Structures are given as structure tokens and as C-alpha cells.
N, C-alpha and C. Protein backbone atom coordinates (compact mmCIF):
# COMPACT_ATOMS: atom_id res chain seq x y z
N MET A 1 -5.84 5.28 -13.97
CA MET A 1 -6.59 4.41 -13.08
C MET A 1 -7.18 5.28 -11.96
N GLU A 2 -8.44 5.03 -11.69
CA GLU A 2 -9.14 5.80 -10.67
C GLU A 2 -8.63 5.47 -9.26
N GLU A 3 -8.76 6.46 -8.37
CA GLU A 3 -8.31 6.29 -6.99
C GLU A 3 -8.97 5.08 -6.33
N LYS A 4 -10.28 4.89 -6.58
CA LYS A 4 -11.00 3.78 -5.97
C LYS A 4 -10.45 2.43 -6.43
N GLN A 5 -10.05 2.34 -7.70
CA GLN A 5 -9.48 1.11 -8.23
C GLN A 5 -8.13 0.82 -7.59
N VAL A 6 -7.29 1.85 -7.49
CA VAL A 6 -5.97 1.68 -6.88
C VAL A 6 -6.13 1.30 -5.41
N PHE A 7 -7.06 1.96 -4.72
CA PHE A 7 -7.32 1.67 -3.31
C PHE A 7 -7.74 0.20 -3.13
N ALA A 8 -8.67 -0.26 -3.96
CA ALA A 8 -9.16 -1.64 -3.86
C ALA A 8 -8.03 -2.64 -4.10
N GLU A 9 -7.20 -2.35 -5.08
CA GLU A 9 -6.06 -3.23 -5.37
C GLU A 9 -5.06 -3.22 -4.22
N MET A 10 -4.86 -2.05 -3.63
CA MET A 10 -3.94 -1.92 -2.50
C MET A 10 -4.44 -2.74 -1.30
N ILE A 11 -5.73 -2.74 -1.08
CA ILE A 11 -6.30 -3.55 0.02
C ILE A 11 -6.00 -5.03 -0.22
N GLU A 12 -6.15 -5.47 -1.46
CA GLU A 12 -5.88 -6.88 -1.78
C GLU A 12 -4.40 -7.21 -1.59
N ILE A 13 -3.53 -6.29 -1.95
CA ILE A 13 -2.10 -6.50 -1.74
C ILE A 13 -1.80 -6.58 -0.24
N LEU A 14 -2.36 -5.65 0.52
CA LEU A 14 -2.12 -5.61 1.96
C LEU A 14 -2.70 -6.84 2.67
N ARG A 15 -3.76 -7.40 2.12
CA ARG A 15 -4.38 -8.59 2.72
C ARG A 15 -3.37 -9.74 2.82
N LEU A 16 -2.41 -9.77 1.91
CA LEU A 16 -1.38 -10.81 1.92
C LEU A 16 -0.39 -10.66 3.07
N TYR A 17 -0.22 -9.43 3.56
CA TYR A 17 0.86 -9.14 4.51
C TYR A 17 0.41 -8.61 5.88
N ALA A 18 -0.84 -8.17 5.99
CA ALA A 18 -1.32 -7.58 7.24
C ALA A 18 -1.53 -8.66 8.30
N LYS A 19 -1.03 -8.40 9.50
CA LYS A 19 -1.28 -9.33 10.60
C LYS A 19 -2.71 -9.16 11.11
N ASP A 20 -3.18 -7.92 11.12
CA ASP A 20 -4.53 -7.63 11.62
C ASP A 20 -5.45 -7.36 10.43
N LYS A 21 -5.95 -8.42 9.83
CA LYS A 21 -6.77 -8.32 8.63
C LYS A 21 -8.15 -7.72 8.91
N THR A 22 -8.59 -7.72 10.16
CA THR A 22 -9.91 -7.16 10.48
C THR A 22 -9.97 -5.67 10.16
N HIS A 23 -8.86 -4.98 10.26
CA HIS A 23 -8.83 -3.55 9.96
C HIS A 23 -9.00 -3.28 8.47
N LEU A 24 -8.70 -4.25 7.64
CA LEU A 24 -8.81 -4.04 6.19
C LEU A 24 -10.26 -3.82 5.76
N ASP A 25 -11.20 -4.41 6.47
CA ASP A 25 -12.61 -4.28 6.11
C ASP A 25 -13.12 -2.86 6.25
N GLN A 26 -12.56 -2.10 7.19
CA GLN A 26 -12.97 -0.71 7.36
C GLN A 26 -11.81 0.27 7.11
N ALA A 27 -10.85 -0.18 6.34
CA ALA A 27 -9.68 0.66 6.05
C ALA A 27 -10.07 1.88 5.22
N THR A 28 -9.35 2.97 5.48
CA THR A 28 -9.54 4.21 4.73
C THR A 28 -8.18 4.67 4.23
N MET A 29 -8.17 5.79 3.55
CA MET A 29 -6.91 6.35 3.06
C MET A 29 -5.98 6.72 4.22
N THR A 30 -6.53 6.96 5.41
CA THR A 30 -5.70 7.36 6.55
C THR A 30 -5.25 6.18 7.41
N THR A 31 -5.64 4.97 7.04
CA THR A 31 -5.22 3.79 7.80
C THR A 31 -3.70 3.65 7.71
N HIS A 32 -3.07 3.56 8.88
CA HIS A 32 -1.61 3.46 8.96
C HIS A 32 -1.21 2.00 8.72
N ILE A 33 -0.33 1.78 7.77
CA ILE A 33 0.05 0.43 7.37
C ILE A 33 0.79 -0.31 8.49
N LEU A 34 1.73 0.34 9.12
CA LEU A 34 2.50 -0.33 10.18
C LEU A 34 1.72 -0.42 11.49
N ASP A 35 1.12 0.69 11.91
CA ASP A 35 0.47 0.73 13.22
C ASP A 35 -0.89 0.05 13.24
N ASP A 36 -1.74 0.34 12.26
CA ASP A 36 -3.11 -0.19 12.26
C ASP A 36 -3.19 -1.62 11.72
N LEU A 37 -2.47 -1.88 10.64
CA LEU A 37 -2.56 -3.19 10.00
C LEU A 37 -1.50 -4.16 10.51
N LYS A 38 -0.57 -3.64 11.31
CA LYS A 38 0.50 -4.47 11.90
C LYS A 38 1.37 -5.14 10.84
N VAL A 39 1.61 -4.42 9.73
CA VAL A 39 2.56 -4.90 8.73
C VAL A 39 3.94 -4.51 9.24
N ASN A 40 4.83 -5.47 9.45
CA ASN A 40 6.16 -5.10 9.95
C ASN A 40 7.00 -4.51 8.81
N SER A 41 8.07 -3.86 9.17
CA SER A 41 8.86 -3.12 8.17
C SER A 41 9.45 -4.04 7.10
N ALA A 42 9.78 -5.26 7.46
CA ALA A 42 10.31 -6.20 6.46
C ALA A 42 9.21 -6.56 5.45
N ARG A 43 8.01 -6.74 5.94
CA ARG A 43 6.88 -7.06 5.07
C ARG A 43 6.48 -5.86 4.21
N LEU A 44 6.73 -4.66 4.71
CA LEU A 44 6.42 -3.47 3.94
C LEU A 44 7.23 -3.45 2.64
N VAL A 45 8.45 -3.96 2.70
CA VAL A 45 9.27 -4.09 1.49
C VAL A 45 8.58 -5.02 0.51
N ASP A 46 8.01 -6.12 1.00
CA ASP A 46 7.27 -7.05 0.14
C ASP A 46 6.04 -6.37 -0.47
N VAL A 47 5.38 -5.53 0.31
CA VAL A 47 4.22 -4.78 -0.21
C VAL A 47 4.65 -3.87 -1.36
N ILE A 48 5.77 -3.19 -1.19
CA ILE A 48 6.30 -2.29 -2.23
C ILE A 48 6.61 -3.08 -3.50
N ILE A 49 7.28 -4.20 -3.34
CA ILE A 49 7.63 -5.03 -4.50
C ILE A 49 6.37 -5.53 -5.21
N LYS A 50 5.39 -5.94 -4.43
CA LYS A 50 4.13 -6.41 -5.01
C LYS A 50 3.44 -5.28 -5.77
N CYS A 51 3.46 -4.07 -5.22
CA CYS A 51 2.88 -2.91 -5.90
C CYS A 51 3.58 -2.66 -7.23
N GLU A 52 4.88 -2.76 -7.22
CA GLU A 52 5.65 -2.57 -8.46
C GLU A 52 5.22 -3.58 -9.51
N ASP A 53 5.04 -4.83 -9.10
CA ASP A 53 4.63 -5.89 -10.02
C ASP A 53 3.21 -5.68 -10.53
N VAL A 54 2.29 -5.43 -9.61
CA VAL A 54 0.88 -5.31 -9.96
C VAL A 54 0.61 -4.09 -10.85
N PHE A 55 1.24 -2.97 -10.52
CA PHE A 55 0.95 -1.73 -11.23
C PHE A 55 1.96 -1.42 -12.34
N GLY A 56 3.01 -2.22 -12.45
CA GLY A 56 4.00 -2.01 -13.51
C GLY A 56 4.79 -0.72 -13.34
N ILE A 57 5.17 -0.43 -12.10
CA ILE A 57 5.90 0.80 -11.79
C ILE A 57 7.18 0.47 -11.04
N THR A 58 8.02 1.48 -10.86
CA THR A 58 9.21 1.36 -10.03
C THR A 58 9.10 2.38 -8.91
N ILE A 59 9.30 1.92 -7.69
CA ILE A 59 9.25 2.80 -6.52
C ILE A 59 10.65 2.87 -5.94
N GLU A 60 11.20 4.07 -5.92
CA GLU A 60 12.54 4.29 -5.39
C GLU A 60 12.53 4.17 -3.87
N ASP A 61 13.69 3.87 -3.29
CA ASP A 61 13.79 3.72 -1.83
C ASP A 61 13.34 4.97 -1.10
N GLU A 62 13.70 6.15 -1.62
CA GLU A 62 13.32 7.41 -0.96
C GLU A 62 11.80 7.58 -0.96
N GLU A 63 11.15 7.14 -2.02
CA GLU A 63 9.69 7.22 -2.11
C GLU A 63 9.05 6.22 -1.15
N ALA A 64 9.59 5.02 -1.11
CA ALA A 64 9.06 3.98 -0.23
C ALA A 64 9.16 4.39 1.24
N ASP A 65 10.21 5.10 1.59
CA ASP A 65 10.41 5.54 2.97
C ASP A 65 9.32 6.51 3.43
N LYS A 66 8.62 7.14 2.50
CA LYS A 66 7.59 8.12 2.84
C LYS A 66 6.20 7.51 2.96
N ILE A 67 6.07 6.23 2.65
CA ILE A 67 4.76 5.57 2.71
C ILE A 67 4.46 5.18 4.15
N ARG A 68 3.43 5.77 4.68
CA ARG A 68 2.99 5.48 6.05
C ARG A 68 1.55 4.95 6.07
N THR A 69 0.70 5.56 5.23
CA THR A 69 -0.72 5.21 5.21
C THR A 69 -1.08 4.59 3.85
N ILE A 70 -2.26 4.01 3.81
CA ILE A 70 -2.75 3.48 2.54
C ILE A 70 -2.85 4.62 1.53
N GLY A 71 -3.28 5.79 1.99
CA GLY A 71 -3.38 6.96 1.11
C GLY A 71 -2.04 7.36 0.52
N ASP A 72 -0.98 7.27 1.31
CA ASP A 72 0.37 7.56 0.79
C ASP A 72 0.70 6.62 -0.36
N ALA A 73 0.41 5.35 -0.16
CA ALA A 73 0.71 4.35 -1.19
C ALA A 73 -0.14 4.56 -2.44
N VAL A 74 -1.43 4.81 -2.24
CA VAL A 74 -2.33 5.04 -3.38
C VAL A 74 -1.91 6.27 -4.16
N GLY A 75 -1.58 7.35 -3.46
CA GLY A 75 -1.14 8.58 -4.11
C GLY A 75 0.12 8.37 -4.93
N LEU A 76 1.07 7.65 -4.38
CA LEU A 76 2.32 7.40 -5.08
C LEU A 76 2.08 6.54 -6.33
N VAL A 77 1.27 5.50 -6.18
CA VAL A 77 0.98 4.64 -7.32
C VAL A 77 0.29 5.45 -8.42
N ARG A 78 -0.69 6.24 -8.06
CA ARG A 78 -1.42 7.03 -9.07
C ARG A 78 -0.49 8.01 -9.77
N LYS A 79 0.42 8.60 -9.03
CA LYS A 79 1.40 9.52 -9.62
C LYS A 79 2.29 8.79 -10.62
N LYS A 80 2.68 7.57 -10.26
CA LYS A 80 3.60 6.78 -11.09
C LYS A 80 2.94 6.25 -12.37
N ILE A 81 1.64 5.93 -12.30
CA ILE A 81 1.00 5.33 -13.47
C ILE A 81 0.43 6.36 -14.44
N LYS A 82 0.49 7.62 -14.10
CA LYS A 82 -0.01 8.66 -15.01
C LYS A 82 0.91 8.85 -16.18
């Protein structure tokens, strides 16, 4: 799956959980999920679970702990689906 496809899907997933949805319209790979989108840490767990469901992957706790930006999440998903 291409990076652009994973990124677009990630934006749709984040749209469900982001408090500040206005940032999603101009989000980039460097957009910080917690700070910029105001996704709280409990909701970040929901984002991870949704990613697992949507992409058919398993994300370990240690991997999830390293996700800070949209780019981190996209990179991890792409690595897992290869």
C-alpha cells in the first residue's frame, strides 16, 4: 500500500478521535497526534486498535509507545503490511 493511501486512511481514523479536527485538513507527516490534534492518551489506544482492524495488523505495546506523529503511525503501518 502506498504511503499516500495509508496517510489518507490514517487521517480518516484520526478524524474519529481528534478533538481539534481543523488541524486534520492541513495535517502532514510531522503533525503531532497528541499535541496538534489533541488526541488524549486513552484515545490514542483506540486509534491503535482501529489501525489494527483497518489494516489487518498487530501493533505491539512497545511499537505503539513510539508513535508520536502521523508519520510515525504511517511508517509503522507500512512496515507491518509489507
